[in-house]
Amino acid sequence: MKTRTAHTHGEDPLLDCAPEAEPKPLARTPKAEARRLARLARKEAAAAARRVQDEAFMRLALEEAQAAAAAGEVPIGAVVVHQPIDRATGRPTAEPQVISQAHNLCETLNDASAHAEFAAMRQAEQALGNWRLSDCTVYVTLEPCVMCAGLMHQARLGRCVYGAADPKGGALGSLYAVHEDQRLNHRFEVTAGILEQECQALLQSFFQGRR
């Protein structure tokens, strides 16, 4: 009969492999905690201010979309906002300024490329005398298609803000994610869902009226 060899406490392999207790994290000092809370408050205030600004510019895009609907076009509007940024600090050096705005004109011009954001970006390039839109944000009421997202990539756009998502053709998160494709040589920030309900309602009303 085989006998089991006894191990002393120090020799037991199961005990030898037992993980050591992790040290508890050091508690923050009152000053460190105050600094953390102050940073958090500044971050939340900046996010709230940015949201207010985004909504204000999206309302301008909605006005363009309403003009499109009045002309019998699919109600999509866009504006381009220019705000120069200091590359060293990442901070703006001037107040944001609308430099172009447009709405869909595909039917009017018999031009498949006459999308609101496409036209607004081309106008912005002319206004700046530069095809690079690195210091610009495009506000558009509907998620851009592949064509418009492609122009944003080519123009080195800084940021795009859109209202309603387009599950059937959106290229900034719905069907594709051109803005964050690691295979491309430029990526840009996207903020979705600004005044989403208003943007969706305008589109739904338009198409219900056409049925």
C-alpha atoms as a PDB file:
ATOM      1  CA  MET A   1       0.000   0.000   0.000  1.00  0.00           C
ATOM      2  CA  LYS A   2       1.342   3.380  -0.974  1.00  0.00           C
ATOM      3  CA  THR A   3       1.748   5.896   1.753  1.00  0.00           C
ATOM      4  CA  ARG A   4       1.321   9.615   1.359  1.00  0.00           C
ATOM      5  CA  THR A   5       4.408  11.620   2.213  1.00  0.00           C
ATOM      6  CA  ALA A   6       3.714  14.248   4.790  1.00  0.00           C
ATOM      7  CA  HIS A   7       4.912  17.852   4.275  1.00  0.00           C
ATOM      8  CA  THR A   8       5.809  20.315   6.893  1.00  0.00           C
ATOM      9  CA  HIS A   9       3.967  23.652   6.912  1.00  0.00           C
ATOM     10  CA  GLY A  10       6.810  25.397   5.127  1.00  0.00           C
ATOM     11  CA  GLU A  11       7.087  22.712   2.472  1.00  0.00           C
ATOM     12  CA  ASP A  12       3.439  22.447   1.518  1.00  0.00           C
ATOM     13  CA  PRO A  13       3.337  23.444  -2.216  1.00  0.00           C
ATOM     14  CA  LEU A  14      -0.249  24.670  -1.943  1.00  0.00           C
ATOM     15  CA  LEU A  15       0.702  27.014   0.859  1.00  0.00           C
ATOM     16  CA  ASP A  16       3.833  28.128  -0.951  1.00  0.00           C
ATOM     17  CA  CYS A  17       1.730  29.135  -3.981  1.00  0.00           C
ATOM     18  CA  ALA A  18      -0.824  31.121  -2.009  1.00  0.00           C
ATOM     19  CA  PRO A  19      -1.007  34.712  -3.334  1.00  0.00           C
ATOM     20  CA  GLU A  20       0.133  37.475  -1.079  1.00  0.00           C
ATOM     21  CA  ALA A  21      -2.460  39.963   0.087  1.00  0.00           C
ATOM     22  CA  GLU A  22      -2.497  43.105  -2.053  1.00  0.00           C
ATOM     23  CA  PRO A  23      -1.524  46.263  -0.218  1.00  0.00           C
ATOM     24  CA  LYS A  24      -4.353  48.660   0.411  1.00  0.00           C
ATOM     25  CA  PRO A  25      -4.228  51.884  -1.632  1.00  0.00           C
ATOM     26  CA  LEU A  26      -3.022  54.884   0.258  1.00  0.00           C
ATOM     27  CA  ALA A  27      -5.776  57.223   1.357  1.00  0.00           C
ATOM     28  CA  ARG A  28      -5.796  60.667  -0.269  1.00  0.00           C
ATOM     29  CA  THR A  29      -4.848  63.583   1.863  1.00  0.00           C
ATOM     30  CA  PRO A  30      -7.521  66.281   2.275  1.00  0.00           C
ATOM     31  CA  LYS A  31      -5.591  68.594  -0.042  1.00  0.00           C
ATOM     32  CA  ALA A  32      -5.219  65.914  -2.724  1.00  0.00           C
ATOM     33  CA  GLU A  33      -8.922  65.094  -2.501  1.00  0.00           C
ATOM     34  CA  ALA A  34      -9.810  68.782  -2.802  1.00  0.00           C
ATOM     35  CA  ARG A  35      -7.654  69.101  -5.919  1.00  0.00           C
ATOM     36  CA  ARG A  36      -9.291  66.009  -7.421  1.00  0.00           C
ATOM     37  CA  LEU A  37     -12.770  67.366  -6.793  1.00  0.00           C
ATOM     38  CA  ALA A  38     -11.806  70.739  -8.234  1.00  0.00           C
ATOM     39  CA  ARG A  39     -10.499  69.078 -11.415  1.00  0.00           C
ATOM     40  CA  LEU A  40     -13.691  67.054 -11.678  1.00  0.00           C
ATOM     41  CA  ALA A  41     -15.817  70.168 -11.252  1.00  0.00           C
ATOM     42  CA  ARG A  42     -13.865  72.023 -13.946  1.00  0.00           C
ATOM     43  CA  LYS A  43     -14.226  69.059 -16.293  1.00  0.00           C
ATOM     44  CA  GLU A  44     -17.987  68.850 -15.727  1.00  0.00           C
ATOM     45  CA  ALA A  45     -18.383  72.608 -16.195  1.00  0.00           C
ATOM     46  CA  ALA A  46     -16.422  72.492 -19.452  1.00  0.00           C
ATOM     47  CA  ALA A  47     -18.559  69.594 -20.715  1.00  0.00           C
ATOM     48  CA  ALA A  48     -21.759  71.463 -19.847  1.00  0.00           C
ATOM     49  CA  ALA A  49     -20.553  74.621 -21.592  1.00  0.00           C
ATOM     50  CA  ARG A  50     -19.589  72.624 -24.668  1.00  0.00           C
ATOM     51  CA  ARG A  51     -23.023  71.009 -24.752  1.00  0.00           C
ATOM     52  CA  VAL A  52     -24.714  74.425 -24.645  1.00  0.00           C
ATOM     53  CA  GLN A  53     -22.486  75.630 -27.494  1.00  0.00           C
ATOM     54  CA  ASP A  54     -23.141  72.492 -29.535  1.00  0.00           C
ATOM     55  CA  GLU A  55     -26.891  72.906 -29.172  1.00  0.00           C
ATOM     56  CA  ALA A  56     -26.722  76.557 -30.235  1.00  0.00           C
ATOM     57  CA  PHE A  57     -24.863  75.718 -33.451  1.00  0.00           C
ATOM     58  CA  MET A  58     -27.070  72.707 -34.129  1.00  0.00           C
ATOM     59  CA  ARG A  59     -30.100  75.016 -34.030  1.00  0.00           C
ATOM     60  CA  LEU A  60     -28.525  76.971 -36.879  1.00  0.00           C
ATOM     61  CA  ALA A  61     -28.149  73.703 -38.781  1.00  0.00           C
ATOM     62  CA  LEU A  62     -31.818  72.966 -38.075  1.00  0.00           C
ATOM     63  CA  GLU A  63     -32.779  76.321 -39.579  1.00  0.00           C
ATOM     64  CA  GLU A  64     -30.936  75.272 -42.734  1.00  0.00           C
ATOM     65  CA  ALA A  65     -32.749  71.926 -42.673  1.00  0.00           C
ATOM     66  CA  GLN A  66     -36.090  73.734 -42.481  1.00  0.00           C
ATOM     67  CA  ALA A  67     -35.082  75.835 -45.490  1.00  0.00           C
ATOM     68  CA  ALA A  68     -34.351  72.599 -47.350  1.00  0.00           C
ATOM     69  CA  ALA A  69     -37.796  71.233 -46.511  1.00  0.00           C
ATOM     70  CA  ALA A  70     -39.418  74.446 -47.736  1.00  0.00           C
ATOM     71  CA  ALA A  71     -37.615  73.973 -51.052  1.00  0.00           C
ATOM     72  CA  GLY A  72     -38.801  70.379 -51.374  1.00  0.00           C
ATOM     73  CA  GLU A  73     -35.416  68.951 -50.431  1.00  0.00           C
ATOM     74  CA  VAL A  74     -34.702  66.310 -47.802  1.00  0.00           C
ATOM     75  CA  PRO A  75     -34.423  68.456 -44.643  1.00  0.00           C
ATOM     76  CA  ILE A  76     -30.770  68.247 -43.736  1.00  0.00           C
ATOM     77  CA  GLY A  77     -28.760  71.317 -42.780  1.00  0.00           C
ATOM     78  CA  ALA A  78     -25.170  72.008 -41.806  1.00  0.00           C
ATOM     79  CA  VAL A  79     -22.923  74.758 -40.532  1.00  0.00           C
ATOM     80  CA  VAL A  80     -19.146  74.916 -40.229  1.00  0.00           C
ATOM     81  CA  VAL A  81     -17.669  76.638 -37.182  1.00  0.00           C
ATOM     82  CA  HIS A  82     -14.069  77.820 -37.168  1.00  0.00           C
ATOM     83  CA  GLN A  83     -12.100  78.174 -33.930  1.00  0.00           C
ATOM     84  CA  PRO A  84      -8.288  78.363 -34.156  1.00  0.00           C
ATOM     85  CA  ILE A  85      -6.434  76.170 -31.649  1.00  0.00           C
ATOM     86  CA  ASP A  86      -2.980  76.675 -30.155  1.00  0.00           C
ATOM     87  CA  ARG A  87      -1.205  73.403 -30.961  1.00  0.00           C
ATOM     88  CA  ALA A  88       1.130  73.703 -27.978  1.00  0.00           C
ATOM     89  CA  THR A  89      -1.571  74.109 -25.329  1.00  0.00           C
ATOM     90  CA  GLY A  90      -4.625  72.728 -27.130  1.00  0.00           C
ATOM     91  CA  ARG A  91      -6.569  75.836 -26.150  1.00  0.00           C
ATOM     92  CA  PRO A  92      -8.613  78.028 -28.514  1.00  0.00           C
ATOM     93  CA  THR A  93      -7.084  81.354 -29.508  1.00  0.00           C
ATOM     94  CA  ALA A  94     -10.337  82.974 -30.674  1.00  0.00           C
ATOM     95  CA  GLU A  95     -14.088  82.727 -30.253  1.00  0.00           C
ATOM     96  CA  PRO A  96     -15.902  80.166 -32.465  1.00  0.00           C
ATOM     97  CA  GLN A  97     -17.286  81.682 -35.657  1.00  0.00           C
ATOM     98  CA  VAL A  98     -19.711  80.322 -38.242  1.00  0.00           C
ATOM     99  CA  ILE A  99     -17.948  80.552 -41.597  1.00  0.00           C
ATOM    100  CA  SER A 100     -20.418  78.659 -43.794  1.00  0.00           C
ATOM    101  CA  GLN A 101     -23.840  77.077 -43.781  1.00  0.00           C
ATOM    102  CA  ALA A 102     -25.831  75.095 -46.304  1.00  0.00           C
ATOM    103  CA  HIS A 103     -28.679  72.648 -46.804  1.00  0.00           C
ATOM    104  CA  ASN A 104     -29.449  69.806 -49.169  1.00  0.00           C
ATOM    105  CA  LEU A 105     -29.821  70.837 -52.816  1.00  0.00           C
ATOM    106  CA  CYS A 106     -29.673  67.482 -54.586  1.00  0.00           C
ATOM    107  CA  GLU A 107     -33.070  67.885 -56.285  1.00  0.00           C
ATOM    108  CA  THR A 108     -32.624  71.570 -57.089  1.00  0.00           C
ATOM    109  CA  LEU A 109     -29.204  71.102 -58.688  1.00  0.00           C
ATOM    110  CA  ASN A 110     -29.682  67.527 -59.944  1.00  0.00           C
ATOM    111  CA  ASP A 111     -26.434  66.817 -58.139  1.00  0.00           C
ATOM    112  CA  ALA A 112     -25.961  63.724 -55.973  1.00  0.00           C
ATOM    113  CA  SER A 113     -23.057  65.407 -54.199  1.00  0.00           C
ATOM    114  CA  ALA A 114     -25.091  68.444 -53.091  1.00  0.00           C
ATOM    115  CA  HIS A 115     -25.400  67.270 -49.494  1.00  0.00           C
ATOM    116  CA  ALA A 116     -25.625  69.924 -46.789  1.00  0.00           C
ATOM    117  CA  GLU A 117     -22.323  69.172 -45.032  1.00  0.00           C
ATOM    118  CA  PHE A 118     -20.470  68.605 -48.314  1.00  0.00           C
ATOM    119  CA  ALA A 119     -21.524  72.028 -49.595  1.00  0.00           C
ATOM    120  CA  ALA A 120     -20.815  73.704 -46.252  1.00  0.00           C
ATOM    121  CA  MET A 121     -17.300  72.249 -46.133  1.00  0.00           C
ATOM    122  CA  ARG A 122     -16.519  73.417 -49.656  1.00  0.00           C
ATOM    123  CA  GLN A 123     -17.710  76.908 -48.745  1.00  0.00           C
ATOM    124  CA  ALA A 124     -15.582  76.815 -45.592  1.00  0.00           C
ATOM    125  CA  GLU A 125     -12.476  75.928 -47.599  1.00  0.00           C
ATOM    126  CA  GLN A 126     -13.079  78.960 -49.788  1.00  0.00           C
ATOM    127  CA  ALA A 127     -13.712  81.204 -46.763  1.00  0.00           C
ATOM    128  CA  LEU A 128     -10.446  80.150 -45.137  1.00  0.00           C
ATOM    129  CA  GLY A 129      -8.425  79.941 -48.336  1.00  0.00           C
ATOM    130  CA  ASN A 130      -7.292  76.528 -47.146  1.00  0.00           C
ATOM    131  CA  TRP A 131      -8.577  73.030 -47.860  1.00  0.00           C
ATOM    132  CA  ARG A 132      -7.498  71.868 -44.408  1.00  0.00           C
ATOM    133  CA  LEU A 133     -10.325  72.217 -41.879  1.00  0.00           C
ATOM    134  CA  SER A 134      -8.331  71.131 -38.829  1.00  0.00           C
ATOM    135  CA  ASP A 135      -9.651  74.004 -36.700  1.00  0.00           C
ATOM    136  CA  CYS A 136     -13.252  73.484 -37.776  1.00  0.00           C
ATOM    137  CA  THR A 137     -16.309  71.673 -36.495  1.00  0.00           C
ATOM    138  CA  VAL A 138     -19.093  70.573 -38.836  1.00  0.00           C
ATOM    139  CA  TYR A 139     -22.592  70.577 -37.325  1.00  0.00           C
ATOM    140  CA  VAL A 140     -25.084  68.555 -39.354  1.00  0.00           C
ATOM    141  CA  THR A 141     -28.592  67.397 -38.543  1.00  0.00           C
ATOM    142  CA  LEU A 142     -28.138  63.845 -39.889  1.00  0.00           C
ATOM    143  CA  GLU A 143     -25.175  61.499 -39.559  1.00  0.00           C
ATOM    144  CA  PRO A 144     -22.954  61.941 -42.647  1.00  0.00           C
ATOM    145  CA  CYS A 145     -22.849  59.361 -45.416  1.00  0.00           C
ATOM    146  CA  VAL A 146     -19.702  57.702 -46.766  1.00  0.00           C
ATOM    147  CA  MET A 147     -19.144  60.508 -49.286  1.00  0.00           C
ATOM    148  CA  CYS A 148     -19.334  63.292 -46.721  1.00  0.00           C
ATOM    149  CA  ALA A 149     -17.360  61.374 -44.106  1.00  0.00           C
ATOM    150  CA  GLY A 150     -14.724  60.818 -46.781  1.00  0.00           C
ATOM    151  CA  LEU A 151     -14.481  64.557 -47.423  1.00  0.00           C
ATOM    152  CA  MET A 152     -14.149  65.155 -43.678  1.00  0.00           C
ATOM    153  CA  HIS A 153     -11.220  62.760 -43.659  1.00  0.00           C
ATOM    154  CA  GLN A 154      -9.612  64.359 -46.715  1.00  0.00           C
ATOM    155  CA  ALA A 155     -10.113  67.872 -45.290  1.00  0.00           C
ATOM    156  CA  ARG A 156      -8.455  66.847 -42.008  1.00  0.00           C
ATOM    157  CA  LEU A 157     -11.561  67.963 -40.127  1.00  0.00           C
ATOM    158  CA  GLY A 158     -11.174  68.617 -36.415  1.00  0.00           C
ATOM    159  CA  ARG A 159     -14.635  67.513 -35.259  1.00  0.00           C
ATOM    160  CA  CYS A 160     -18.110  66.591 -36.455  1.00  0.00           C
ATOM    161  CA  VAL A 161     -21.298  66.975 -34.426  1.00  0.00           C
ATOM    162  CA  TYR A 162     -24.495  65.419 -35.743  1.00  0.00           C
ATOM    163  CA  GLY A 163     -28.061  65.174 -34.566  1.00  0.00           C
ATOM    164  CA  ALA A 164     -29.896  62.062 -35.754  1.00  0.00           C
ATOM    165  CA  ALA A 165     -28.152  58.784 -36.503  1.00  0.00           C
ATOM    166  CA  ASP A 166     -28.628  57.202 -39.937  1.00  0.00           C
ATOM    167  CA  PRO A 167     -28.776  53.419 -39.467  1.00  0.00           C
ATOM    168  CA  LYS A 168     -29.138  52.846 -43.220  1.00  0.00           C
ATOM    169  CA  GLY A 169     -26.211  54.938 -44.432  1.00  0.00           C
ATOM    170  CA  GLY A 170     -24.338  56.606 -41.592  1.00  0.00           C
ATOM    171  CA  ALA A 171     -20.556  56.494 -41.840  1.00  0.00           C
ATOM    172  CA  LEU A 172     -19.634  57.973 -38.458  1.00  0.00           C
ATOM    173  CA  GLY A 173     -20.697  55.133 -36.213  1.00  0.00           C
ATOM    174  CA  SER A 174     -23.787  53.435 -37.660  1.00  0.00           C
ATOM    175  CA  LEU A 175     -22.612  51.423 -40.695  1.00  0.00           C
ATOM    176  CA  TYR A 176     -19.011  52.587 -40.775  1.00  0.00           C
ATOM    177  CA  ALA A 177     -16.684  54.530 -38.480  1.00  0.00           C
ATOM    178  CA  VAL A 178     -14.556  56.511 -40.897  1.00  0.00           C
ATOM    179  CA  HIS A 179     -13.578  58.968 -38.163  1.00  0.00           C
ATOM    180  CA  GLU A 180     -11.748  56.331 -36.106  1.00  0.00           C
ATOM    181  CA  ASP A 181     -10.516  53.894 -38.743  1.00  0.00           C
ATOM    182  CA  GLN A 182      -6.924  53.096 -37.769  1.00  0.00           C
ATOM    183  CA  ARG A 183      -6.057  52.292 -41.381  1.00  0.00           C
ATOM    184  CA  LEU A 184      -6.542  55.918 -42.406  1.00  0.00           C
ATOM    185  CA  ASN A 185      -3.998  58.663 -41.868  1.00  0.00           C
ATOM    186  CA  HIS A 186      -6.396  61.057 -40.116  1.00  0.00           C
ATOM    187  CA  ARG A 187      -8.932  60.576 -37.368  1.00  0.00           C
ATOM    188  CA  PHE A 188     -11.325  63.141 -35.935  1.00  0.00           C
ATOM    189  CA  GLU A 189     -13.668  63.582 -33.009  1.00  0.00           C
ATOM    190  CA  VAL A 190     -17.389  62.873 -33.373  1.00  0.00           C
ATOM    191  CA  THR A 191     -20.219  63.874 -31.049  1.00  0.00           C
ATOM    192  CA  ALA A 192     -23.602  62.291 -31.768  1.00  0.00           C
ATOM    193  CA  GLY A 193     -27.158  62.928 -30.621  1.00  0.00           C
ATOM    194  CA  ILE A 194     -27.185  66.724 -30.220  1.00  0.00           C
ATOM    195  CA  LEU A 195     -30.855  67.824 -30.511  1.00  0.00           C
ATOM    196  CA  GLU A 196     -31.497  64.344 -31.850  1.00  0.00           C
ATOM    197  CA  GLN A 197     -35.262  64.382 -31.328  1.00  0.00           C
ATOM    198  CA  GLU A 198     -35.727  67.682 -33.169  1.00  0.00           C
ATOM    199  CA  CYS A 199     -33.598  66.486 -36.080  1.00  0.00           C
ATOM    200  CA  GLN A 200     -35.462  63.178 -36.308  1.00  0.00           C
ATOM    201  CA  ALA A 201     -38.872  64.836 -36.050  1.00  0.00           C
ATOM    202  CA  LEU A 202     -38.124  67.145 -38.977  1.00  0.00           C
ATOM    203  CA  LEU A 203     -37.075  64.232 -41.188  1.00  0.00           C
ATOM    204  CA  GLN A 204     -40.058  62.087 -40.167  1.00  0.00           C
ATOM    205  CA  SER A 205     -42.506  64.908 -40.808  1.00  0.00           C
ATOM    206  CA  PHE A 206     -41.033  65.510 -44.241  1.00  0.00           C
ATOM    207  CA  PHE A 207     -41.229  61.896 -45.381  1.00  0.00           C
ATOM    208  CA  GLN A 208     -44.710  61.355 -43.926  1.00  0.00           C
ATOM    209  CA  GLY A 209     -45.889  64.316 -45.964  1.00  0.00           C
ATOM    210  CA  ARG A 210     -44.476  62.760 -49.139  1.00  0.00           C
ATOM    211  CA  ARG A 211     -46.383  59.470 -48.749  1.00  0.00           C
END
